[in-house]
Amino acid sequence: MQVIVVGGGLVGSTLAAKLAGDGHDVVLVEQSRELIADLNEQLDVQTICGNGATIPVLVQAGIENADLLLATTNSDEANMVVALVGSEIFKVPRVAARLRDPGHEEGFQRIAREPGGERVAINPDMAAVEKILSLMPVPGAVDVVPFFGGKLLVAGFSIRPSSEFAGLLLSHLRLLFPATPMLVVAIRRDGRWRVPHGEDEIQAGDLVYFAMDPAELDNVLVLLGLRRGVERRVMIAGATRIGIALAQRLEEDGVPVTLVDARRPSCDAAAARLDDTLVIHGSPTDRELLREEGAERVEGFVACTDHHEENVVACLLAGRLGAAHTFALVDNPALAGLVGDLGIDAIISPRLLSVSLALHFARKGRIRAVAALLEDSVEVFEVEAAEGSRLVRSTLSELGLPRGILVVAVQRADRILLTGGNDRIQPGDQVLVVTTSEAASRLDDVLEP
């Protein structure tokens, strides 16, 4: 495809790098000369310095022949202009815009309903809310991604020394735990990621991603040595857009919520919008306040203030008080790799969630879903097996898949199977494939007829 990415920040530059790695022709537009200089050293894509919300710059970028336009600047207004110009004037077939404000998102959705191309709005705040809600039922998970319509979970956990998994070879998992079907799909050790094979060993301190039937979750938690909270109650630090939206969703599910914020006006605004949430004016890093409000009994503690360092501190305090599950909103990629070392269960990055959603949109076709795991170093694809593709030619052990690519599971009709070397993919199967980011560009060789 001919792809234009407008905005060279974390979201735009990551998307440009991944799409270029997939073999697409990518042009990245950014108006900051300093940022362009850095991007030219880091990325192997064409860059243009200029305002991507103006027609001359977009024409210079090749919008007249573009197949895909991604508006990823930090400004909703600029992204709306880019999307409108691309959609209405140049009729770009596929357009995605990152929009945080619900009003802008609603306006874009009206455009999206008009015939003539695919349009999608990506809201990083709402993506963060959905991610937190998916994590809450899974104590101790640093990441949870549902596939096959929620019939299969891919969840990441830090392995404790007391865990039943510590010291086990992957090839022994099915022998030792036949009643709890699961498959290890990715391992991070000493800061390095690998898509594993049967002779790899799980070690204490590893971050391990498992694929499992949701019905097996409680059994896996027992083996991991994890527990659920004393009370099904959630404490939220930060009366931000994310904090209030999360509280509203939890209220709808009947979950008791306490919301803490140090800003009196924000507390008043939150109290006016929420029906059943207890809103407390106070600092979320005040240890005594957290103790008084029962942080030690909550099932989940979510820190989503606008100050990400404060979110880390608040989660550390809540965790030490006894909160069963802690989540910190942090958009610093460097901190994502410290999730286990920090003692925080999960770090939520709205920017990286935006990248994952935009990649899903960009890669639509045989790829039905895609998710980037923690740190964006491993990707999981839900794909359709095509007649005549390499994927269906023989058993998995005989396929000779490139290193770094692992077939995890298959959905055939209503049945889901965690795969082994003797299994064979059939045309029309929905297949879950895990790859390292480096190997993702080789996936087409496996999928295409």
Protein backbone atom coordinates (compact mmCIF):
# COMPACT_ATOMS: atom_id res chain seq x y z
CA MET A 1 0.00 0.00 0.00
CA GLN A 2 0.86 3.68 -0.33
CA VAL A 3 0.58 4.93 3.28
CA ILE A 4 0.72 8.46 4.69
CA VAL A 5 1.19 8.95 8.44
CA VAL A 6 0.66 12.49 9.73
CA GLY A 7 2.34 13.08 13.11
CA GLY A 8 5.78 11.81 14.06
CA GLY A 9 5.30 11.26 17.79
CA LEU A 10 5.36 7.87 19.51
CA VAL A 11 2.17 6.66 17.79
CA GLY A 12 3.00 7.91 14.30
CA SER A 13 6.64 6.86 14.28
CA THR A 14 5.82 3.38 15.63
CA LEU A 15 3.11 2.89 13.00
CA ALA A 16 5.41 4.10 10.23
CA ALA A 17 8.15 1.70 11.29
CA LYS A 18 5.81 -1.30 11.52
CA LEU A 19 4.03 -0.65 8.23
CA ALA A 20 7.33 -0.09 6.45
CA GLY A 21 8.50 -3.38 7.97
CA ASP A 22 5.42 -5.01 6.44
CA GLY A 23 6.64 -3.90 3.02
CA HIS A 24 4.40 -0.86 2.46
CA ASP A 25 5.58 2.47 1.00
CA VAL A 26 5.28 4.89 3.92
CA VAL A 27 5.57 8.68 4.00
CA LEU A 28 5.71 10.29 7.45
CA VAL A 29 4.71 13.96 7.77
CA GLU A 30 5.85 15.98 10.81
CA GLN A 31 6.20 19.75 11.24
CA SER A 32 8.91 19.72 13.93
CA ARG A 33 12.35 19.95 12.27
CA GLU A 34 14.05 18.60 15.39
CA LEU A 35 11.79 15.56 15.47
CA ILE A 36 12.21 14.99 11.73
CA ALA A 37 16.00 14.95 12.20
CA ASP A 38 15.66 12.27 14.89
CA LEU A 39 13.20 10.23 12.82
CA ASN A 40 15.49 10.26 9.80
CA GLU A 41 18.16 8.57 11.92
CA GLN A 42 15.76 6.00 13.41
CA LEU A 43 13.39 5.07 10.57
CA ASP A 44 13.77 3.79 7.04
CA VAL A 45 10.81 5.75 5.64
CA GLN A 46 10.40 8.92 3.60
CA THR A 47 9.81 11.97 5.79
CA ILE A 48 8.38 15.38 4.95
CA CYS A 49 8.72 18.39 7.23
CA GLY A 50 5.52 20.41 7.12
CA ASN A 51 1.99 20.89 8.41
CA GLY A 52 0.12 17.73 7.46
CA ALA A 53 -3.22 19.49 7.92
CA THR A 54 -2.59 21.56 4.78
CA ILE A 55 -3.36 20.44 1.23
CA PRO A 56 0.01 21.36 -0.36
CA VAL A 57 1.93 19.25 2.16
CA LEU A 58 -0.47 16.32 1.75
CA VAL A 59 -0.13 16.55 -2.04
CA GLN A 60 3.65 16.55 -1.64
CA ALA A 61 3.26 13.38 0.47
CA GLY A 62 1.32 11.73 -2.37
CA ILE A 63 -2.22 11.81 -1.02
CA GLU A 64 -3.67 11.63 -4.54
CA ASN A 65 -2.45 8.02 -4.78
CA ALA A 66 -2.65 7.04 -1.11
CA ASP A 67 -4.36 3.82 -0.08
CA LEU A 68 -4.24 4.53 3.66
CA LEU A 69 -4.09 7.78 5.66
CA LEU A 70 -3.37 7.82 9.40
CA ALA A 71 -3.79 11.08 11.36
CA THR A 72 -1.89 10.63 14.64
CA THR A 73 -0.87 14.10 15.83
CA ASN A 74 -1.48 15.20 19.43
CA SER A 75 -4.21 17.59 18.26
CA ASP A 76 -7.77 16.38 17.72
CA GLU A 77 -8.47 19.42 15.57
CA ALA A 78 -5.49 18.76 13.28
CA ASN A 79 -6.41 15.08 12.99
CA MET A 80 -10.00 16.01 12.08
CA VAL A 81 -8.78 18.35 9.32
CA VAL A 82 -6.40 15.70 7.94
CA ALA A 83 -9.16 13.08 7.97
CA LEU A 84 -11.69 15.40 6.34
CA VAL A 85 -9.30 16.45 3.60
CA GLY A 86 -8.31 12.85 2.94
CA SER A 87 -11.89 11.56 2.97
CA GLU A 88 -13.86 14.32 1.27
CA ILE A 89 -11.39 15.94 -1.14
CA PHE A 90 -8.96 13.19 -2.11
CA LYS A 91 -11.22 10.17 -1.49
CA VAL A 92 -8.51 8.11 0.22
CA PRO A 93 -10.01 4.59 0.50
CA ARG A 94 -9.07 4.09 4.17
CA VAL A 95 -8.64 6.81 6.80
CA ALA A 96 -7.99 6.55 10.56
CA ALA A 97 -7.81 9.46 12.99
CA ARG A 98 -6.72 9.53 16.63
CA LEU A 99 -9.40 11.50 18.51
CA ARG A 100 -9.71 11.88 22.29
CA ASP A 101 -12.60 14.31 22.56
CA PRO A 102 -16.02 12.56 22.42
CA GLY A 103 -17.44 15.48 20.42
CA HIS A 104 -14.81 15.14 17.73
CA GLU A 105 -15.25 11.38 17.73
CA GLU A 106 -19.01 11.74 17.26
CA GLY A 107 -18.47 14.11 14.33
CA PHE A 108 -16.03 11.73 12.71
CA GLN A 109 -18.43 8.81 13.13
CA ARG A 110 -20.99 10.74 11.07
CA ILE A 111 -18.41 11.07 8.31
CA ALA A 112 -17.64 7.37 8.61
CA ARG A 113 -21.27 6.48 7.91
CA GLU A 114 -21.12 8.13 4.49
CA PRO A 115 -20.45 5.75 1.55
CA GLY A 116 -17.07 5.73 -0.16
CA GLY A 117 -14.30 4.15 1.87
CA GLU A 118 -13.48 2.91 5.36
CA ARG A 119 -13.16 5.41 8.22
CA VAL A 120 -12.28 4.73 11.84
CA ALA A 121 -11.74 6.93 14.90
CA ILE A 122 -9.20 5.70 17.45
CA ASN A 123 -9.80 7.01 20.97
CA PRO A 124 -6.79 6.29 23.21
CA ASP A 125 -8.70 7.13 26.40
CA MET A 126 -11.51 4.71 25.68
CA ALA A 127 -8.97 2.10 24.58
CA ALA A 128 -7.33 2.48 28.01
CA VAL A 129 -10.69 2.01 29.75
CA GLU A 130 -11.38 -1.16 27.76
CA LYS A 131 -7.91 -2.51 28.52
CA ILE A 132 -8.34 -1.93 32.27
CA LEU A 133 -11.75 -3.61 32.23
CA SER A 134 -10.26 -6.64 30.44
CA LEU A 135 -7.48 -6.87 33.05
CA MET A 136 -9.62 -6.61 36.17
CA PRO A 137 -11.07 -10.16 36.09
CA VAL A 138 -7.53 -11.58 35.81
CA PRO A 139 -5.60 -10.96 39.07
CA GLY A 140 -1.87 -10.51 38.63
CA ALA A 141 -1.99 -10.20 34.84
CA VAL A 142 0.19 -7.53 33.25
CA ASP A 143 -1.74 -7.83 29.99
CA VAL A 144 -4.87 -9.60 28.75
CA VAL A 145 -6.04 -9.81 25.12
CA PRO A 146 -9.18 -11.74 24.07
CA PHE A 147 -9.33 -13.52 20.71
CA PHE A 148 -11.92 -15.56 18.79
CA GLY A 149 -14.70 -13.36 20.15
CA GLY A 150 -13.55 -13.78 23.74
CA LYS A 151 -13.36 -17.59 23.59
CA LEU A 152 -9.58 -17.56 24.05
CA LEU A 153 -7.45 -15.39 26.31
CA VAL A 154 -3.81 -14.47 25.88
CA ALA A 155 -2.62 -13.25 29.28
CA GLY A 156 0.81 -12.31 30.62
CA PHE A 157 2.02 -13.00 34.17
CA SER A 158 5.24 -12.50 36.11
CA ILE A 159 6.36 -15.91 37.39
CA ARG A 160 6.93 -16.04 41.14
CA PRO A 161 9.45 -18.43 42.73
CA SER A 162 6.51 -20.14 44.48
CA SER A 163 4.65 -20.75 41.21
CA GLU A 164 4.07 -24.31 40.01
CA PHE A 165 5.51 -23.23 36.64
CA ALA A 166 8.93 -22.09 37.87
CA GLY A 167 11.62 -24.44 36.56
CA LEU A 168 9.40 -26.36 34.12
CA LEU A 169 10.16 -27.18 30.50
CA LEU A 170 7.37 -26.07 28.18
CA SER A 171 7.18 -29.59 26.74
CA HIS A 172 6.21 -30.85 30.21
CA LEU A 173 3.23 -28.53 30.75
CA ARG A 174 0.67 -30.77 29.07
CA LEU A 175 2.07 -33.86 30.82
CA LEU A 176 1.98 -32.30 34.30
CA PHE A 177 -1.25 -30.32 33.97
CA PRO A 178 -3.42 -32.27 31.51
CA ALA A 179 -6.63 -31.04 33.14
CA THR A 180 -5.67 -27.38 32.55
CA PRO A 181 -5.03 -26.88 28.82
CA MET A 182 -2.77 -23.89 28.15
CA LEU A 183 0.07 -22.92 25.85
CA VAL A 184 3.01 -20.57 26.46
CA VAL A 185 3.19 -18.12 23.55
CA ALA A 186 5.88 -15.60 24.58
CA ILE A 187 8.54 -15.15 27.28
CA ARG A 188 10.46 -12.06 28.37
CA ARG A 189 13.67 -12.70 30.31
CA ASP A 190 16.35 -10.14 31.17
CA GLY A 191 14.68 -7.59 28.94
CA ARG A 192 14.66 -9.85 25.87
CA TRP A 193 11.61 -11.42 24.24
CA ARG A 194 11.32 -14.82 22.62
CA VAL A 195 8.60 -16.84 20.95
CA PRO A 196 9.39 -20.15 22.67
CA HIS A 197 9.70 -23.79 21.66
CA GLY A 198 9.20 -26.99 23.65
CA GLU A 199 12.69 -27.15 25.17
CA ASP A 200 12.52 -23.66 26.67
CA GLU A 201 12.27 -23.52 30.46
CA ILE A 202 10.09 -21.18 32.51
CA GLN A 203 12.17 -19.45 35.17
CA ALA A 204 11.19 -17.43 38.23
CA GLY A 205 11.14 -13.76 37.28
CA ASP A 206 10.10 -14.43 33.67
CA LEU A 207 7.18 -12.59 32.16
CA VAL A 208 5.20 -15.34 30.46
CA TYR A 209 2.18 -15.08 28.17
CA PHE A 210 -0.26 -18.01 28.23
CA ALA A 211 -3.07 -18.82 25.80
CA MET A 212 -6.03 -20.42 27.58
CA ASP A 213 -9.75 -21.02 27.60
CA PRO A 214 -11.32 -18.36 29.89
CA ALA A 215 -13.00 -21.22 31.77
CA GLU A 216 -9.53 -22.40 32.86
CA LEU A 217 -8.53 -19.04 34.30
CA ASP A 218 -9.08 -19.88 37.98
CA ASN A 219 -7.06 -23.09 37.62
CA VAL A 220 -4.17 -21.21 35.99
CA LEU A 221 -4.27 -18.58 38.77
CA VAL A 222 -3.90 -21.32 41.38
CA LEU A 223 -0.84 -22.69 39.58
CA LEU A 224 0.60 -19.18 39.40
CA GLY A 225 0.04 -18.64 43.14
CA LEU A 226 -2.24 -15.61 42.61
CA ARG A 227 -5.32 -14.53 44.53
CA ARG A 228 -8.43 -12.45 44.03
CA GLY A 229 -9.25 -9.39 46.14
CA VAL A 230 -11.10 -9.57 49.44
CA GLU A 231 -13.87 -7.33 48.11
CA ARG A 232 -15.18 -6.76 44.59
CA ARG A 233 -14.51 -3.05 44.88
CA VAL A 234 -12.33 -0.69 42.85
CA MET A 235 -10.46 2.45 43.86
CA ILE A 236 -9.56 4.97 41.15
CA ALA A 237 -6.96 7.70 41.56
CA GLY A 238 -7.65 10.61 39.22
CA ALA A 239 -10.90 12.29 38.19
CA THR A 240 -9.65 12.46 34.61
CA ARG A 241 -11.50 11.59 31.44
CA ILE A 242 -10.26 8.00 31.77
CA GLY A 243 -11.01 7.82 35.50
CA ILE A 244 -14.58 9.08 35.14
CA ALA A 245 -15.31 6.88 32.11
CA LEU A 246 -13.98 3.85 33.97
CA ALA A 247 -16.10 4.65 37.04
CA GLN A 248 -19.20 4.95 34.84
CA ARG A 249 -18.58 1.55 33.27
CA LEU A 250 -18.00 -0.06 36.68
CA GLU A 251 -21.19 1.55 38.02
CA GLU A 252 -23.11 -0.02 35.13
CA ASP A 253 -21.74 -3.42 36.20
CA GLY A 254 -22.75 -2.83 39.83
CA VAL A 255 -19.16 -2.61 41.13
CA PRO A 256 -18.68 -0.26 44.13
CA VAL A 257 -16.16 2.49 43.23
CA THR A 258 -14.18 5.04 45.24
CA LEU A 259 -12.57 7.88 43.27
CA VAL A 260 -9.79 10.03 44.78
CA ASP A 261 -8.47 13.30 43.35
CA ALA A 262 -6.42 16.14 44.85
CA ARG A 263 -8.25 18.84 42.81
CA ARG A 264 -11.49 20.13 44.33
CA PRO A 265 -13.01 21.31 41.01
CA SER A 266 -12.32 17.93 39.42
CA CYS A 267 -13.95 16.17 42.38
CA ASP A 268 -17.04 18.37 42.05
CA ALA A 269 -17.26 17.69 38.30
CA ALA A 270 -16.86 13.93 38.84
CA ALA A 271 -19.51 13.86 41.58
CA ALA A 272 -21.94 15.60 39.24
CA ARG A 273 -21.42 12.99 36.49
CA LEU A 274 -21.34 9.84 38.63
CA ASP A 275 -24.33 8.30 40.39
CA ASP A 276 -23.02 5.76 42.89
CA THR A 277 -19.27 6.43 43.06
CA LEU A 278 -17.85 7.75 46.35
CA VAL A 279 -15.73 10.78 45.39
CA ILE A 280 -12.98 11.73 47.86
CA HIS A 281 -11.02 15.00 47.79
CA GLY A 282 -7.44 14.14 48.69
CA SER A 283 -4.05 13.09 47.37
CA PRO A 284 -3.87 9.56 45.91
CA THR A 285 -0.30 9.34 47.26
CA ASP A 286 -1.46 10.00 50.85
CA ARG A 287 -0.84 6.67 52.57
CA GLU A 288 -3.20 7.37 55.47
CA LEU A 289 -6.00 8.44 53.15
CA LEU A 290 -5.66 5.23 51.13
CA ARG A 291 -5.69 3.19 54.32
CA GLU A 292 -8.78 5.00 55.65
CA GLU A 293 -10.64 4.39 52.37
CA GLY A 294 -9.87 0.65 52.47
CA ALA A 295 -7.24 0.30 49.72
CA GLU A 296 -6.05 -2.92 51.33
CA ARG A 297 -9.37 -4.63 50.57
CA VAL A 298 -9.98 -3.59 46.97
CA GLU A 299 -9.89 -5.95 44.03
CA GLY A 300 -8.35 -3.28 41.80
CA PHE A 301 -6.54 0.03 42.30
CA VAL A 302 -6.28 2.16 39.14
CA ALA A 303 -4.05 5.25 39.05
CA CYS A 304 -4.94 7.38 36.03
CA THR A 305 -4.06 10.96 36.98
CA ASP A 306 -2.44 13.23 34.40
CA HIS A 307 0.89 12.86 36.23
CA HIS A 308 2.33 9.47 35.37
CA GLU A 309 5.05 9.47 38.02
CA GLU A 310 2.32 10.05 40.60
CA ASN A 311 0.44 7.07 39.18
CA VAL A 312 3.44 4.82 39.79
CA VAL A 313 3.83 6.04 43.39
CA ALA A 314 0.10 5.67 44.14
CA CYS A 315 0.10 2.09 42.83
CA LEU A 316 3.17 1.20 44.88
CA LEU A 317 1.50 2.53 48.03
CA ALA A 318 -1.78 0.74 47.31
CA GLY A 319 0.05 -2.50 46.55
CA ARG A 320 1.98 -2.36 49.82
CA LEU A 321 -1.23 -1.70 51.69
CA GLY A 322 -2.69 -4.90 50.22
CA ALA A 323 -4.63 -3.99 47.05
CA ALA A 324 -4.96 -7.22 45.08
CA HIS A 325 -4.37 -5.74 41.63
CA THR A 326 -2.76 -2.38 40.69
CA PHE A 327 -2.82 -0.55 37.35
CA ALA A 328 -0.82 2.59 36.49
CA LEU A 329 -1.48 4.81 33.50
CA VAL A 330 2.00 5.49 32.10
CA ASP A 331 2.78 6.62 28.55
CA ASN A 332 6.55 6.34 28.94
CA PRO A 333 7.61 3.24 26.92
CA ALA A 334 10.77 2.87 29.02
CA LEU A 335 8.69 2.21 32.14
CA ALA A 336 6.67 -0.57 30.47
CA GLY A 337 9.69 -2.86 30.67
CA LEU A 338 9.91 -2.32 34.42
CA VAL A 339 6.38 -3.50 35.16
CA GLY A 340 7.47 -6.52 37.20
CA ASP A 341 10.38 -4.76 38.90
CA LEU A 342 8.18 -1.87 39.99
CA GLY A 343 5.76 -4.16 41.80
CA ILE A 344 2.82 -2.92 39.71
CA ASP A 345 0.61 -5.51 38.05
CA ALA A 346 -0.04 -3.66 34.80
CA ILE A 347 1.02 -0.46 33.08
CA ILE A 348 -1.52 1.03 30.69
CA SER A 349 -0.22 3.09 27.75
CA PRO A 350 -2.97 4.83 25.75
CA ARG A 351 -0.45 5.63 23.02
CA LEU A 352 0.63 2.03 22.51
CA LEU A 353 -3.01 0.96 22.59
CA SER A 354 -3.62 3.46 19.78
CA VAL A 355 -0.80 1.84 17.81
CA SER A 356 -2.37 -1.59 18.22
CA LEU A 357 -5.81 -0.39 17.09
CA ALA A 358 -4.38 1.47 14.10
CA LEU A 359 -2.36 -1.59 13.05
CA HIS A 360 -5.50 -3.70 13.21
CA PHE A 361 -7.20 -1.26 10.86
CA ALA A 362 -4.19 -1.01 8.54
CA ARG A 363 -3.72 -4.76 8.25
CA LYS A 364 -7.34 -5.70 7.64
CA GLY A 365 -7.92 -8.47 5.12
CA ARG A 366 -7.05 -12.02 6.05
CA ILE A 367 -5.95 -10.58 9.40
CA ARG A 368 -9.08 -10.36 11.56
CA ALA A 369 -7.39 -9.02 14.69
CA VAL A 370 -3.92 -7.98 15.80
CA ALA A 371 -2.56 -7.01 19.21
CA ALA A 372 0.90 -5.90 20.30
CA LEU A 373 1.94 -7.42 23.61
CA LEU A 374 3.78 -5.53 26.33
CA GLU A 375 6.56 -3.24 25.00
CA ASP A 376 5.33 -3.80 21.44
CA SER A 377 7.99 -6.49 20.82
CA VAL A 378 5.64 -9.41 20.16
CA GLU A 379 2.48 -9.37 18.05
CA VAL A 380 -0.50 -11.73 18.00
CA PHE A 381 -2.54 -12.13 14.81
CA GLU A 382 -5.93 -13.73 14.30
CA VAL A 383 -5.92 -14.77 10.64
CA GLU A 384 -7.87 -16.86 8.16
CA ALA A 385 -6.10 -19.85 6.63
CA ALA A 386 -6.30 -19.61 2.83
CA GLU A 387 -6.61 -22.49 0.39
CA GLY A 388 -3.18 -23.11 -1.14
CA SER A 389 -1.23 -21.18 1.50
CA ARG A 390 1.87 -22.63 3.13
CA LEU A 391 -0.07 -22.76 6.40
CA VAL A 392 -2.29 -25.64 5.22
CA ARG A 393 0.28 -27.80 3.38
CA SER A 394 1.33 -30.15 6.19
CA THR A 395 1.37 -30.68 9.94
CA LEU A 396 2.73 -27.79 12.01
CA SER A 397 5.92 -29.66 12.87
CA GLU A 398 6.63 -30.17 9.15
CA LEU A 399 5.84 -26.63 7.99
CA GLY A 400 9.29 -25.26 8.78
CA LEU A 401 7.90 -21.93 9.99
CA PRO A 402 10.47 -19.13 10.30
CA ARG A 403 11.99 -18.75 13.76
CA GLY A 404 9.94 -16.31 15.80
CA ILE A 405 6.56 -17.43 14.39
CA LEU A 406 4.34 -19.78 16.41
CA VAL A 407 0.86 -21.12 15.59
CA VAL A 408 -0.99 -21.07 18.91
CA ALA A 409 -4.62 -22.01 18.38
CA VAL A 410 -7.29 -22.76 15.78
CA GLN A 411 -11.01 -22.01 15.70
CA ARG A 412 -12.82 -24.51 13.51
CA ALA A 413 -16.59 -24.00 13.51
CA ASP A 414 -17.41 -23.60 17.23
CA ARG A 415 -14.42 -25.58 18.46
CA ILE A 416 -11.15 -24.01 19.66
CA LEU A 417 -8.00 -26.11 19.74
CA LEU A 418 -4.65 -25.24 21.31
CA THR A 419 -2.28 -26.60 18.69
CA GLY A 420 0.63 -29.04 18.82
CA GLY A 421 3.18 -30.22 16.28
CA ASN A 422 0.96 -33.01 14.95
CA ASP A 423 -2.00 -30.74 14.21
CA ARG A 424 -2.85 -29.62 10.70
CA ILE A 425 -4.52 -26.35 9.67
CA GLN A 426 -7.45 -26.57 7.27
CA PRO A 427 -8.52 -23.90 4.73
CA GLY A 428 -11.05 -21.55 6.33
CA ASP A 429 -9.78 -22.11 9.87
CA GLN A 430 -9.32 -19.03 12.04
CA VAL A 431 -5.75 -19.27 13.30
CA LEU A 432 -3.96 -17.47 16.13
CA VAL A 433 -0.32 -16.75 15.26
CA VAL A 434 2.31 -15.17 17.51
CA THR A 435 5.41 -13.50 16.05
CA THR A 436 8.25 -11.33 17.21
CA SER A 437 8.13 -7.87 15.66
CA GLU A 438 11.17 -8.76 13.56
CA ALA A 439 9.48 -11.87 12.15
CA ALA A 440 6.08 -10.20 11.52
CA SER A 441 7.15 -9.04 8.04
CA ARG A 442 7.66 -12.72 7.05
CA LEU A 443 4.10 -13.68 7.99
CA ASP A 444 2.75 -12.92 4.50
CA ASP A 445 4.92 -15.71 3.09
CA VAL A 446 3.06 -18.12 5.37
CA LEU A 447 -0.46 -16.74 4.85
CA GLU A 448 -0.68 -15.92 1.15
CA PRO A 449 -1.73 -18.60 -1.40
